[in-house]
N, C-alpha and C. Protein backbone atom coordinates (compact mmCIF):
# COMPACT_ATOMS: atom_id res chain seq x y z
N MET A 1 183.47 110.92 103.95
CA MET A 1 182.04 110.70 103.98
C MET A 1 181.42 111.75 104.90
N LYS A 2 180.30 112.29 104.46
CA LYS A 2 179.52 113.24 105.24
C LYS A 2 178.30 112.50 105.77
N SER A 3 178.06 112.60 107.08
CA SER A 3 176.94 111.91 107.71
C SER A 3 176.23 112.86 108.66
N GLU A 4 174.90 112.93 108.53
CA GLU A 4 174.11 113.80 109.40
C GLU A 4 172.82 113.11 109.79
N THR A 5 172.42 113.30 111.05
CA THR A 5 171.13 112.80 111.51
C THR A 5 170.09 113.87 111.24
N VAL A 6 168.97 113.45 110.67
CA VAL A 6 167.90 114.36 110.26
C VAL A 6 166.59 113.86 110.86
N THR A 7 165.79 114.79 111.38
CA THR A 7 164.45 114.45 111.84
C THR A 7 163.47 114.85 110.74
N ILE A 8 162.69 113.88 110.27
CA ILE A 8 161.76 114.13 109.18
C ILE A 8 160.69 115.11 109.64
N SER A 9 160.60 116.22 108.91
CA SER A 9 159.57 117.22 109.23
C SER A 9 159.13 117.95 107.97
N MET A 10 158.99 117.19 106.87
CA MET A 10 158.51 117.76 105.62
C MET A 10 157.11 118.33 105.83
N ASP A 11 156.82 119.44 105.17
CA ASP A 11 155.51 120.05 105.29
C ASP A 11 154.42 119.20 104.64
N GLU A 12 154.76 118.58 103.55
CA GLU A 12 153.79 117.76 102.81
C GLU A 12 153.79 116.33 103.34
N SER A 13 152.77 115.59 102.98
CA SER A 13 152.74 114.18 103.37
C SER A 13 153.84 113.45 102.61
N LEU A 14 154.28 112.36 103.16
CA LEU A 14 155.36 111.58 102.54
C LEU A 14 154.79 110.60 101.53
N ASP A 15 154.16 111.15 100.51
CA ASP A 15 153.57 110.32 99.47
C ASP A 15 154.60 110.05 98.38
N ALA A 16 154.19 109.33 97.35
CA ALA A 16 155.11 108.95 96.28
C ALA A 16 155.70 110.17 95.57
N MET A 17 154.93 111.24 95.42
CA MET A 17 155.44 112.45 94.76
C MET A 17 156.56 113.08 95.58
N SER A 18 156.40 113.16 96.89
CA SER A 18 157.42 113.73 97.75
C SER A 18 158.68 112.88 97.73
N LEU A 19 158.50 111.57 97.78
CA LEU A 19 159.66 110.68 97.74
C LEU A 19 160.36 110.75 96.39
N ALA A 20 159.58 110.89 95.32
CA ALA A 20 160.17 111.01 93.98
C ALA A 20 161.01 112.29 93.88
N TYR A 21 160.55 113.36 94.51
CA TYR A 21 161.31 114.60 94.52
C TYR A 21 162.64 114.40 95.27
N CYS A 22 162.60 113.67 96.35
CA CYS A 22 163.83 113.36 97.10
C CYS A 22 164.80 112.58 96.21
N VAL A 23 164.29 111.60 95.49
CA VAL A 23 165.12 110.79 94.60
C VAL A 23 165.70 111.65 93.48
N GLN A 24 164.88 112.52 92.89
CA GLN A 24 165.36 113.40 91.82
C GLN A 24 166.47 114.31 92.33
N THR A 25 166.31 114.80 93.54
CA THR A 25 167.34 115.65 94.13
C THR A 25 168.63 114.86 94.33
N ALA A 26 168.52 113.66 94.88
CA ALA A 26 169.71 112.83 95.11
C ALA A 26 170.43 112.53 93.79
N CYS A 27 169.67 112.33 92.73
CA CYS A 27 170.25 111.98 91.43
C CYS A 27 171.02 113.14 90.79
N ARG A 28 170.84 114.34 91.29
CA ARG A 28 171.58 115.50 90.76
C ARG A 28 173.05 115.45 91.15
N PHE A 29 173.38 114.65 92.13
CA PHE A 29 174.75 114.60 92.66
C PHE A 29 175.47 113.33 92.22
N THR A 30 176.79 113.43 92.10
CA THR A 30 177.58 112.26 91.73
C THR A 30 177.89 111.38 92.94
N SER A 31 177.81 111.94 94.13
CA SER A 31 178.09 111.19 95.36
C SER A 31 177.08 110.06 95.54
N ARG A 32 177.54 109.02 96.23
CA ARG A 32 176.63 107.97 96.66
C ARG A 32 175.90 108.52 97.88
N ILE A 33 174.58 108.38 97.92
CA ILE A 33 173.77 108.91 99.02
C ILE A 33 172.91 107.78 99.56
N HIS A 34 172.99 107.57 100.87
CA HIS A 34 172.20 106.53 101.53
C HIS A 34 171.45 107.11 102.70
N LEU A 35 170.30 106.54 103.00
CA LEU A 35 169.53 106.87 104.19
C LEU A 35 169.47 105.63 105.07
N THR A 36 169.66 105.82 106.37
CA THR A 36 169.65 104.72 107.32
C THR A 36 168.70 105.04 108.44
N ASP A 37 167.85 104.07 108.78
CA ASP A 37 166.89 104.29 109.88
C ASP A 37 167.28 103.51 111.13
N GLY A 38 168.48 102.98 111.17
CA GLY A 38 168.94 102.20 112.31
C GLY A 38 169.00 100.72 112.02
N THR A 39 168.10 100.24 111.18
CA THR A 39 168.11 98.82 110.83
C THR A 39 168.31 98.60 109.34
N ARG A 40 167.87 99.55 108.53
CA ARG A 40 167.99 99.41 107.07
C ARG A 40 168.77 100.57 106.50
N ARG A 41 169.48 100.29 105.42
CA ARG A 41 170.26 101.31 104.70
C ARG A 41 169.86 101.23 103.24
N ILE A 42 169.34 102.35 102.72
CA ILE A 42 168.86 102.32 101.33
C ILE A 42 169.58 103.37 100.49
N ASN A 43 169.58 103.13 99.19
CA ASN A 43 170.14 104.07 98.23
C ASN A 43 169.10 105.16 98.00
N ALA A 44 169.45 106.42 98.29
CA ALA A 44 168.51 107.53 98.15
C ALA A 44 168.19 107.84 96.69
N LYS A 45 168.90 107.23 95.75
CA LYS A 45 168.64 107.44 94.33
C LYS A 45 167.68 106.40 93.78
N SER A 46 167.15 105.57 94.65
CA SER A 46 166.23 104.50 94.25
C SER A 46 164.83 104.77 94.81
N ILE A 47 163.85 104.94 93.93
CA ILE A 47 162.48 105.19 94.39
C ILE A 47 161.95 104.00 95.18
N MET A 48 162.29 102.80 94.76
CA MET A 48 161.83 101.61 95.49
C MET A 48 162.47 101.56 96.88
N GLY A 49 163.74 101.91 96.94
CA GLY A 49 164.41 101.95 98.24
C GLY A 49 163.78 102.98 99.15
N MET A 50 163.50 104.16 98.62
CA MET A 50 162.89 105.23 99.42
C MET A 50 161.52 104.80 99.93
N MET A 51 160.74 104.17 99.07
CA MET A 51 159.40 103.74 99.47
C MET A 51 159.47 102.62 100.51
N SER A 52 160.45 101.75 100.40
CA SER A 52 160.56 100.64 101.33
C SER A 52 161.03 101.08 102.71
N LEU A 53 161.68 102.23 102.80
CA LEU A 53 162.16 102.71 104.09
C LEU A 53 161.00 103.08 105.00
N GLY A 54 159.91 103.56 104.42
CA GLY A 54 158.72 103.86 105.20
C GLY A 54 158.91 104.98 106.21
N ILE A 55 159.62 106.03 105.82
CA ILE A 55 159.83 107.14 106.75
C ILE A 55 158.55 107.91 106.99
N ALA A 56 158.43 108.46 108.19
CA ALA A 56 157.24 109.23 108.57
C ALA A 56 157.66 110.46 109.36
N MET A 57 156.76 111.40 109.49
CA MET A 57 157.02 112.62 110.26
C MET A 57 157.56 112.25 111.64
N GLY A 58 158.61 112.92 112.07
CA GLY A 58 159.18 112.70 113.38
C GLY A 58 160.26 111.64 113.44
N ASP A 59 160.38 110.82 112.40
CA ASP A 59 161.42 109.80 112.37
C ASP A 59 162.80 110.44 112.28
N ALA A 60 163.77 109.85 112.94
CA ALA A 60 165.17 110.27 112.82
C ALA A 60 165.88 109.30 111.90
N ILE A 61 166.52 109.83 110.87
CA ILE A 61 167.28 109.00 109.95
C ILE A 61 168.66 109.63 109.76
N VAL A 62 169.58 108.83 109.28
CA VAL A 62 170.93 109.31 109.00
C VAL A 62 171.09 109.43 107.49
N VAL A 63 171.52 110.61 107.06
CA VAL A 63 171.84 110.84 105.65
C VAL A 63 173.35 110.70 105.51
N GLU A 64 173.78 109.80 104.62
CA GLU A 64 175.20 109.59 104.36
C GLU A 64 175.47 109.91 102.90
N ALA A 65 176.48 110.73 102.67
CA ALA A 65 176.88 111.05 101.30
C ALA A 65 178.39 110.85 101.20
N GLU A 66 178.82 110.24 100.10
CA GLU A 66 180.24 109.99 99.90
C GLU A 66 180.58 110.23 98.43
N GLY A 67 181.51 111.16 98.22
CA GLY A 67 181.94 111.47 96.86
C GLY A 67 182.41 112.91 96.77
N GLU A 68 182.66 113.34 95.55
CA GLU A 68 183.25 114.66 95.35
C GLU A 68 182.32 115.81 95.73
N ASP A 69 181.02 115.61 95.70
CA ASP A 69 180.08 116.67 96.08
C ASP A 69 179.26 116.29 97.31
N GLU A 70 179.88 115.53 98.22
CA GLU A 70 179.17 115.00 99.39
C GLU A 70 178.61 116.08 100.31
N GLU A 71 179.30 117.18 100.48
CA GLU A 71 178.82 118.25 101.36
C GLU A 71 177.51 118.82 100.82
N ALA A 72 177.50 119.15 99.54
CA ALA A 72 176.30 119.72 98.91
C ALA A 72 175.17 118.70 98.86
N ALA A 73 175.50 117.44 98.60
CA ALA A 73 174.48 116.39 98.53
C ALA A 73 173.81 116.20 99.88
N ALA A 74 174.60 116.10 100.94
CA ALA A 74 174.03 115.90 102.28
C ALA A 74 173.19 117.11 102.69
N ALA A 75 173.67 118.30 102.37
CA ALA A 75 172.94 119.52 102.72
C ALA A 75 171.59 119.59 101.98
N ALA A 76 171.58 119.23 100.71
CA ALA A 76 170.34 119.27 99.93
C ALA A 76 169.32 118.26 100.45
N MET A 77 169.77 117.06 100.76
CA MET A 77 168.86 116.04 101.29
C MET A 77 168.32 116.45 102.65
N LYS A 78 169.19 117.00 103.48
CA LYS A 78 168.76 117.44 104.81
C LYS A 78 167.70 118.54 104.68
N GLU A 79 167.93 119.47 103.79
CA GLU A 79 167.00 120.58 103.58
C GLU A 79 165.61 120.07 103.17
N ILE A 80 165.58 119.11 102.27
CA ILE A 80 164.30 118.57 101.81
C ILE A 80 163.60 117.80 102.93
N LEU A 81 164.32 116.91 103.59
CA LEU A 81 163.73 116.05 104.59
C LEU A 81 163.27 116.81 105.84
N GLU A 82 163.91 117.93 106.11
CA GLU A 82 163.50 118.76 107.24
C GLU A 82 162.45 119.77 106.84
N GLY A 83 162.01 119.74 105.59
CA GLY A 83 160.93 120.61 105.15
C GLY A 83 161.33 122.05 104.96
N LYS A 84 162.61 122.30 104.76
CA LYS A 84 163.08 123.67 104.59
C LYS A 84 163.14 124.09 103.12
N ASN A 85 162.79 123.16 102.24
CA ASN A 85 162.77 123.45 100.82
C ASN A 85 161.31 123.50 100.40
N GLY A 86 160.86 124.63 99.95
CA GLY A 86 159.45 124.81 99.60
C GLY A 86 158.94 123.99 98.45
N SER A 87 159.81 123.24 97.76
CA SER A 87 159.41 122.48 96.58
C SER A 87 158.66 121.22 96.91
N VAL A 88 158.78 120.72 98.12
CA VAL A 88 158.10 119.46 98.47
C VAL A 88 156.83 119.76 99.19
């Protein structure tokens, strides 16, 4: 399992479109991907889960990926959530 702590710093607001992009990215991978905020753990491939997490700029969350492409999955999610991917 690959696990990394990420501080949310997306350039765009964390609206439904941004969260949907995160979900679409997670769905590209076969690994199971979860986000944890310390009290809740959600499936990053679920739009309802992403919306219920209520992440905001400056929040620290843990990205967990487990599976055959876990390294790439965790790296892609980290890149998006830290605002290093210009697509969001």
